[in-house]
Amino acid sequence: MHPLVLESEADVMRLEMDRERTPDFLDVDLPDGPRRNGGRKLWELQLKWVPKAQAEGEFPRDEERYRDSAVYIRPVYAKTDGPAPPCLRIPVHGKRTLPLDLAPAPQGGRRDATNDP
């Protein structure tokens, strides 16, 4: 997991992940509530990969599933009479290698330390 701290205005009540826009291979643990820093709020998120999605390689890259590798977070405000707030887009760049027990076996054989690319 990778920690990430977001800072918000005092009137943000909670954060929500937009699951429709966030790729299935990314997830985030959202805190129950923020820490306070004067009149601001600090939200410590834990960004993580979803192993069952079996996504591997470099992110982002020019393939449909991996083009937008970002987590989308929506702030929820105390006052709901205004327009919906925009999502925060948190880009994720990196490389993921599947562990041997999750990686598909090569064609015609089994995967072990000797034939792991």
N, C-alpha and C. Protein backbone atom coordinates (compact mmCIF):
# COMPACT_ATOMS: atom_id res chain seq x y z
N MET A 1 0.83 -1.17 0.00
CA MET A 1 0.00 0.00 0.00
C MET A 1 0.88 1.24 0.00
N HIS A 2 0.35 2.28 -0.57
CA HIS A 2 1.09 3.53 -0.69
C HIS A 2 0.29 4.65 -0.05
N PRO A 3 0.82 5.29 0.99
CA PRO A 3 0.08 6.36 1.66
C PRO A 3 0.06 7.64 0.83
N LEU A 4 -1.01 8.37 0.96
CA LEU A 4 -1.20 9.62 0.26
C LEU A 4 -2.02 10.52 1.17
N VAL A 5 -1.60 11.77 1.35
CA VAL A 5 -2.34 12.69 2.21
C VAL A 5 -2.95 13.79 1.36
N LEU A 6 -4.27 13.97 1.51
CA LEU A 6 -4.98 15.06 0.84
C LEU A 6 -5.37 16.09 1.89
N GLU A 7 -5.34 17.34 1.50
CA GLU A 7 -5.75 18.42 2.39
C GLU A 7 -7.01 19.05 1.81
N SER A 8 -7.99 19.33 2.70
CA SER A 8 -9.25 19.90 2.22
C SER A 8 -9.68 21.06 3.10
N GLU A 9 -10.71 21.73 2.62
CA GLU A 9 -11.34 22.79 3.39
C GLU A 9 -12.09 22.17 4.56
N ALA A 10 -12.42 22.98 5.52
CA ALA A 10 -13.10 22.50 6.73
C ALA A 10 -14.49 21.95 6.45
N ASP A 11 -15.17 22.42 5.38
CA ASP A 11 -16.55 21.99 5.15
C ASP A 11 -16.68 20.67 4.37
N VAL A 12 -15.57 20.00 4.07
CA VAL A 12 -15.63 18.67 3.46
C VAL A 12 -15.91 17.67 4.58
N MET A 13 -17.02 16.92 4.44
CA MET A 13 -17.43 15.99 5.50
C MET A 13 -16.78 14.62 5.36
N ARG A 14 -16.62 14.16 4.11
CA ARG A 14 -16.00 12.85 3.87
C ARG A 14 -15.53 12.79 2.42
N LEU A 15 -14.78 11.74 2.11
CA LEU A 15 -14.32 11.49 0.76
C LEU A 15 -14.90 10.17 0.28
N GLU A 16 -15.21 10.11 -1.02
CA GLU A 16 -15.73 8.88 -1.63
C GLU A 16 -14.90 8.58 -2.87
N MET A 17 -14.66 7.30 -3.12
CA MET A 17 -13.98 6.92 -4.35
C MET A 17 -15.03 6.73 -5.45
N ASP A 18 -14.75 7.25 -6.63
CA ASP A 18 -15.63 7.07 -7.78
C ASP A 18 -15.22 5.75 -8.45
N ARG A 19 -15.90 4.66 -8.10
CA ARG A 19 -15.55 3.32 -8.59
C ARG A 19 -15.78 3.21 -10.09
N GLU A 20 -16.73 3.95 -10.64
CA GLU A 20 -17.00 3.87 -12.09
C GLU A 20 -15.84 4.41 -12.91
N ARG A 21 -15.13 5.40 -12.40
CA ARG A 21 -14.04 6.01 -13.16
C ARG A 21 -12.67 5.45 -12.80
N THR A 22 -12.55 4.83 -11.63
CA THR A 22 -11.27 4.26 -11.19
C THR A 22 -11.12 2.86 -11.77
N PRO A 23 -9.98 2.53 -12.38
CA PRO A 23 -9.78 1.20 -12.96
C PRO A 23 -9.91 0.09 -11.91
N ASP A 24 -10.30 -1.10 -12.35
CA ASP A 24 -10.53 -2.21 -11.42
C ASP A 24 -9.26 -2.70 -10.75
N PHE A 25 -8.09 -2.36 -11.27
CA PHE A 25 -6.84 -2.82 -10.66
C PHE A 25 -6.32 -1.86 -9.60
N LEU A 26 -7.02 -0.75 -9.36
CA LEU A 26 -6.64 0.20 -8.31
C LEU A 26 -7.75 0.30 -7.28
N ASP A 27 -7.35 0.50 -6.04
CA ASP A 27 -8.30 0.69 -4.96
C ASP A 27 -7.69 1.66 -3.95
N VAL A 28 -8.50 2.16 -3.06
CA VAL A 28 -8.01 3.08 -2.03
C VAL A 28 -8.79 2.82 -0.74
N ASP A 29 -8.06 2.77 0.37
CA ASP A 29 -8.69 2.73 1.68
C ASP A 29 -8.88 4.16 2.13
N LEU A 30 -10.13 4.54 2.35
CA LEU A 30 -10.43 5.90 2.79
C LEU A 30 -10.56 5.91 4.31
N PRO A 31 -10.09 6.96 4.96
CA PRO A 31 -10.20 7.02 6.42
C PRO A 31 -11.64 7.29 6.84
N ASP A 32 -11.96 6.91 8.08
CA ASP A 32 -13.29 7.22 8.63
C ASP A 32 -13.48 8.72 8.78
N GLY A 33 -12.39 9.40 9.06
CA GLY A 33 -12.46 10.84 9.24
C GLY A 33 -11.07 11.44 9.11
N PRO A 34 -11.00 12.75 9.05
CA PRO A 34 -9.72 13.44 8.85
C PRO A 34 -9.03 13.78 10.17
N ARG A 35 -7.78 14.14 10.05
CA ARG A 35 -7.06 14.80 11.14
C ARG A 35 -7.21 16.29 10.89
N ARG A 36 -7.11 17.07 11.92
CA ARG A 36 -7.23 18.53 11.77
C ARG A 36 -5.86 19.17 11.77
N ASN A 37 -5.74 20.20 10.96
CA ASN A 37 -4.53 21.01 10.90
C ASN A 37 -4.99 22.46 10.83
N GLY A 38 -5.24 23.05 11.99
CA GLY A 38 -5.81 24.40 12.02
C GLY A 38 -7.22 24.34 11.47
N GLY A 39 -7.52 25.18 10.50
CA GLY A 39 -8.84 25.19 9.87
C GLY A 39 -8.97 24.25 8.70
N ARG A 40 -7.95 23.44 8.44
CA ARG A 40 -7.95 22.51 7.30
C ARG A 40 -8.10 21.08 7.81
N LYS A 41 -8.42 20.18 6.91
CA LYS A 41 -8.52 18.75 7.23
C LYS A 41 -7.49 17.97 6.42
N LEU A 42 -6.86 16.99 7.05
CA LEU A 42 -5.90 16.11 6.38
C LEU A 42 -6.49 14.71 6.33
N TRP A 43 -6.54 14.16 5.13
CA TRP A 43 -7.11 12.83 4.90
C TRP A 43 -5.98 11.91 4.46
N GLU A 44 -5.70 10.87 5.23
CA GLU A 44 -4.64 9.93 4.86
C GLU A 44 -5.26 8.73 4.16
N LEU A 45 -4.98 8.61 2.87
CA LEU A 45 -5.50 7.52 2.04
C LEU A 45 -4.42 6.47 1.87
N GLN A 46 -4.84 5.25 1.63
CA GLN A 46 -3.91 4.17 1.32
C GLN A 46 -4.26 3.67 -0.08
N LEU A 47 -3.39 3.94 -1.02
CA LEU A 47 -3.56 3.50 -2.41
C LEU A 47 -3.03 2.09 -2.53
N LYS A 48 -3.79 1.21 -3.19
CA LYS A 48 -3.33 -0.18 -3.32
C LYS A 48 -3.73 -0.78 -4.66
N TRP A 49 -2.97 -1.80 -5.05
CA TRP A 49 -3.26 -2.59 -6.24
C TRP A 49 -4.24 -3.68 -5.85
N VAL A 50 -5.08 -4.10 -6.77
CA VAL A 50 -6.03 -5.18 -6.54
C VAL A 50 -5.48 -6.43 -7.21
N PRO A 51 -4.93 -7.38 -6.43
CA PRO A 51 -4.28 -8.55 -7.02
C PRO A 51 -5.18 -9.38 -7.92
N LYS A 52 -6.47 -9.54 -7.55
CA LYS A 52 -7.35 -10.39 -8.36
C LYS A 52 -7.60 -9.83 -9.75
N ALA A 53 -7.32 -8.55 -9.97
CA ALA A 53 -7.49 -7.95 -11.30
C ALA A 53 -6.38 -8.43 -12.25
N GLN A 54 -5.31 -9.00 -11.71
CA GLN A 54 -4.17 -9.53 -12.46
C GLN A 54 -3.62 -8.55 -13.49
N ALA A 55 -3.57 -7.29 -13.13
CA ALA A 55 -2.98 -6.28 -13.99
C ALA A 55 -1.47 -6.27 -13.74
N GLU A 56 -0.71 -6.22 -14.79
CA GLU A 56 0.74 -6.15 -14.63
C GLU A 56 1.35 -5.31 -15.73
N GLY A 57 2.60 -4.93 -15.52
CA GLY A 57 3.31 -4.12 -16.49
C GLY A 57 3.37 -2.68 -16.05
N GLU A 58 3.71 -1.81 -16.99
CA GLU A 58 3.82 -0.38 -16.69
C GLU A 58 2.47 0.30 -16.81
N PHE A 59 2.26 1.29 -15.95
CA PHE A 59 1.02 2.05 -15.92
C PHE A 59 1.36 3.52 -15.89
N PRO A 60 0.67 4.38 -16.60
CA PRO A 60 -0.27 4.05 -17.67
C PRO A 60 0.48 3.63 -18.93
N ARG A 61 -0.27 3.09 -19.86
CA ARG A 61 0.29 2.73 -21.16
C ARG A 61 -0.83 2.79 -22.20
N ASP A 62 -0.45 2.70 -23.46
CA ASP A 62 -1.41 2.90 -24.55
C ASP A 62 -2.19 1.62 -24.85
N GLU A 63 -2.96 1.17 -23.88
CA GLU A 63 -3.94 0.09 -24.03
C GLU A 63 -5.19 0.56 -23.31
N GLU A 64 -6.34 0.21 -23.85
CA GLU A 64 -7.61 0.72 -23.34
C GLU A 64 -7.74 0.60 -21.83
N ARG A 65 -7.49 -0.55 -21.28
CA ARG A 65 -7.68 -0.78 -19.84
C ARG A 65 -6.70 0.02 -18.98
N TYR A 66 -5.55 0.35 -19.51
CA TYR A 66 -4.47 0.95 -18.71
C TYR A 66 -4.19 2.41 -19.05
N ARG A 67 -4.94 2.98 -20.00
CA ARG A 67 -4.67 4.34 -20.44
C ARG A 67 -4.86 5.37 -19.32
N ASP A 68 -5.92 5.23 -18.56
CA ASP A 68 -6.19 6.18 -17.48
C ASP A 68 -5.98 5.47 -16.14
N SER A 69 -4.73 5.37 -15.72
CA SER A 69 -4.47 4.72 -14.43
C SER A 69 -4.44 5.81 -13.36
N ALA A 70 -5.62 6.05 -12.80
CA ALA A 70 -5.79 7.09 -11.79
C ALA A 70 -6.90 6.68 -10.84
N VAL A 71 -6.82 7.20 -9.63
CA VAL A 71 -7.88 7.03 -8.64
C VAL A 71 -8.68 8.32 -8.62
N TYR A 72 -9.99 8.21 -8.62
CA TYR A 72 -10.87 9.38 -8.60
C TYR A 72 -11.56 9.47 -7.24
N ILE A 73 -11.37 10.60 -6.58
CA ILE A 73 -11.91 10.84 -5.25
C ILE A 73 -12.86 12.04 -5.31
N ARG A 74 -14.03 11.86 -4.72
CA ARG A 74 -15.03 12.94 -4.70
C ARG A 74 -15.19 13.45 -3.28
N PRO A 75 -14.99 14.75 -3.06
CA PRO A 75 -15.26 15.31 -1.73
C PRO A 75 -16.78 15.46 -1.54
N VAL A 76 -17.25 15.17 -0.35
CA VAL A 76 -18.67 15.34 0.00
C VAL A 76 -18.74 16.46 1.02
N TYR A 77 -19.47 17.51 0.67
CA TYR A 77 -19.57 18.71 1.50
C TYR A 77 -20.78 18.66 2.43
N ALA A 78 -20.70 19.41 3.51
CA ALA A 78 -21.80 19.50 4.47
C ALA A 78 -23.04 20.08 3.80
N LYS A 79 -22.87 21.13 3.00
CA LYS A 79 -23.99 21.75 2.29
C LYS A 79 -24.17 21.03 0.96
N THR A 80 -25.39 20.61 0.69
CA THR A 80 -25.66 19.87 -0.54
C THR A 80 -26.52 20.65 -1.51
N ASP A 81 -26.72 21.95 -1.26
CA ASP A 81 -27.60 22.74 -2.12
C ASP A 81 -26.92 23.27 -3.38
N GLY A 82 -25.61 23.14 -3.47
CA GLY A 82 -24.88 23.63 -4.64
C GLY A 82 -24.65 22.53 -5.66
N PRO A 83 -23.94 22.87 -6.71
CA PRO A 83 -23.62 21.85 -7.73
C PRO A 83 -22.69 20.78 -7.15
N ALA A 84 -22.75 19.60 -7.73
CA ALA A 84 -21.89 18.50 -7.28
C ALA A 84 -20.42 18.89 -7.49
N PRO A 85 -19.58 18.62 -6.51
CA PRO A 85 -18.16 18.98 -6.65
C PRO A 85 -17.47 18.06 -7.65
N PRO A 86 -16.46 18.56 -8.32
CA PRO A 86 -15.72 17.71 -9.26
C PRO A 86 -14.89 16.68 -8.50
N CYS A 87 -14.60 15.59 -9.18
CA CYS A 87 -13.72 14.56 -8.61
C CYS A 87 -12.28 15.03 -8.67
N LEU A 88 -11.50 14.56 -7.73
CA LEU A 88 -10.05 14.76 -7.78
C LEU A 88 -9.47 13.57 -8.53
N ARG A 89 -8.63 13.83 -9.49
CA ARG A 89 -7.98 12.76 -10.24
C ARG A 89 -6.56 12.63 -9.70
N ILE A 90 -6.22 11.45 -9.17
CA ILE A 90 -4.89 11.19 -8.62
C ILE A 90 -4.22 10.19 -9.55
N PRO A 91 -3.30 10.66 -10.41
CA PRO A 91 -2.65 9.76 -11.36
C PRO A 91 -1.75 8.75 -10.66
N VAL A 92 -1.71 7.55 -11.21
CA VAL A 92 -0.86 6.48 -10.68
C VAL A 92 0.09 6.05 -11.79
N HIS A 93 1.38 6.16 -11.53
CA HIS A 93 2.41 5.75 -12.47
C HIS A 93 3.27 4.70 -11.80
N GLY A 94 3.66 3.69 -12.52
CA GLY A 94 4.53 2.68 -11.93
C GLY A 94 4.56 1.42 -12.75
N LYS A 95 5.08 0.39 -12.13
CA LYS A 95 5.19 -0.92 -12.77
C LYS A 95 4.79 -1.97 -11.74
N ARG A 96 3.98 -2.92 -12.17
CA ARG A 96 3.50 -3.98 -11.30
C ARG A 96 3.86 -5.32 -11.91
N THR A 97 4.49 -6.19 -11.10
CA THR A 97 4.80 -7.54 -11.50
C THR A 97 4.00 -8.48 -10.62
N LEU A 98 3.29 -9.42 -11.25
CA LEU A 98 2.48 -10.35 -10.47
C LEU A 98 3.37 -11.35 -9.75
N PRO A 99 3.00 -11.72 -8.51
CA PRO A 99 3.72 -12.80 -7.83
C PRO A 99 3.53 -14.10 -8.59
N LEU A 100 4.44 -15.05 -8.41
CA LEU A 100 4.38 -16.31 -9.15
C LEU A 100 3.06 -17.04 -8.96
N ASP A 101 2.47 -16.98 -7.77
CA ASP A 101 1.24 -17.71 -7.53
C ASP A 101 0.03 -17.09 -8.22
N LEU A 102 0.14 -15.84 -8.71
CA LEU A 102 -0.97 -15.20 -9.42
C LEU A 102 -0.73 -15.09 -10.92
N ALA A 103 0.51 -15.24 -11.35
CA ALA A 103 0.83 -15.08 -12.77
C ALA A 103 0.37 -16.30 -13.55
N PRO A 104 -0.16 -16.09 -14.76
CA PRO A 104 -0.58 -17.22 -15.58
C PRO A 104 0.63 -18.04 -16.01
N ALA A 105 0.44 -19.35 -16.10
CA ALA A 105 1.53 -20.23 -16.53
C ALA A 105 1.82 -19.99 -18.01
N PRO A 106 3.08 -20.10 -18.42
CA PRO A 106 3.39 -19.95 -19.84
C PRO A 106 2.76 -21.10 -20.62
N GLN A 107 2.50 -20.87 -21.88
CA GLN A 107 1.86 -21.87 -22.72
C GLN A 107 2.72 -23.13 -22.75
N GLY A 108 2.10 -24.28 -22.44
CA GLY A 108 2.78 -25.56 -22.51
C GLY A 108 3.65 -25.87 -21.30
N GLY A 109 3.53 -25.13 -20.24
CA GLY A 109 4.38 -25.43 -19.08
C GLY A 109 3.88 -24.71 -17.85
N ARG A 110 4.61 -24.92 -16.76
CA ARG A 110 4.22 -24.23 -15.54
C ARG A 110 5.23 -23.13 -15.25
N ARG A 111 4.80 -22.16 -14.51
CA ARG A 111 5.65 -21.03 -14.19
C ARG A 111 6.38 -21.32 -12.89
N ASP A 112 7.68 -21.18 -12.90
CA ASP A 112 8.46 -21.26 -11.68
C ASP A 112 9.63 -20.30 -11.80
N ALA A 113 10.50 -20.29 -10.83
CA ALA A 113 11.58 -19.31 -10.81
C ALA A 113 12.52 -19.45 -12.00
N THR A 114 12.58 -20.63 -12.62
CA THR A 114 13.50 -20.83 -13.75
C THR A 114 12.97 -20.28 -15.07
N ASN A 115 11.63 -20.20 -15.21
CA ASN A 115 11.12 -19.66 -16.47
C ASN A 115 10.36 -18.37 -16.29
N ASP A 116 10.55 -17.70 -15.15
CA ASP A 116 9.92 -16.42 -14.90
C ASP A 116 10.63 -15.36 -15.73
N PRO A 117 9.91 -14.61 -16.57
CA PRO A 117 10.59 -13.62 -17.41
C PRO A 117 11.16 -12.48 -16.59
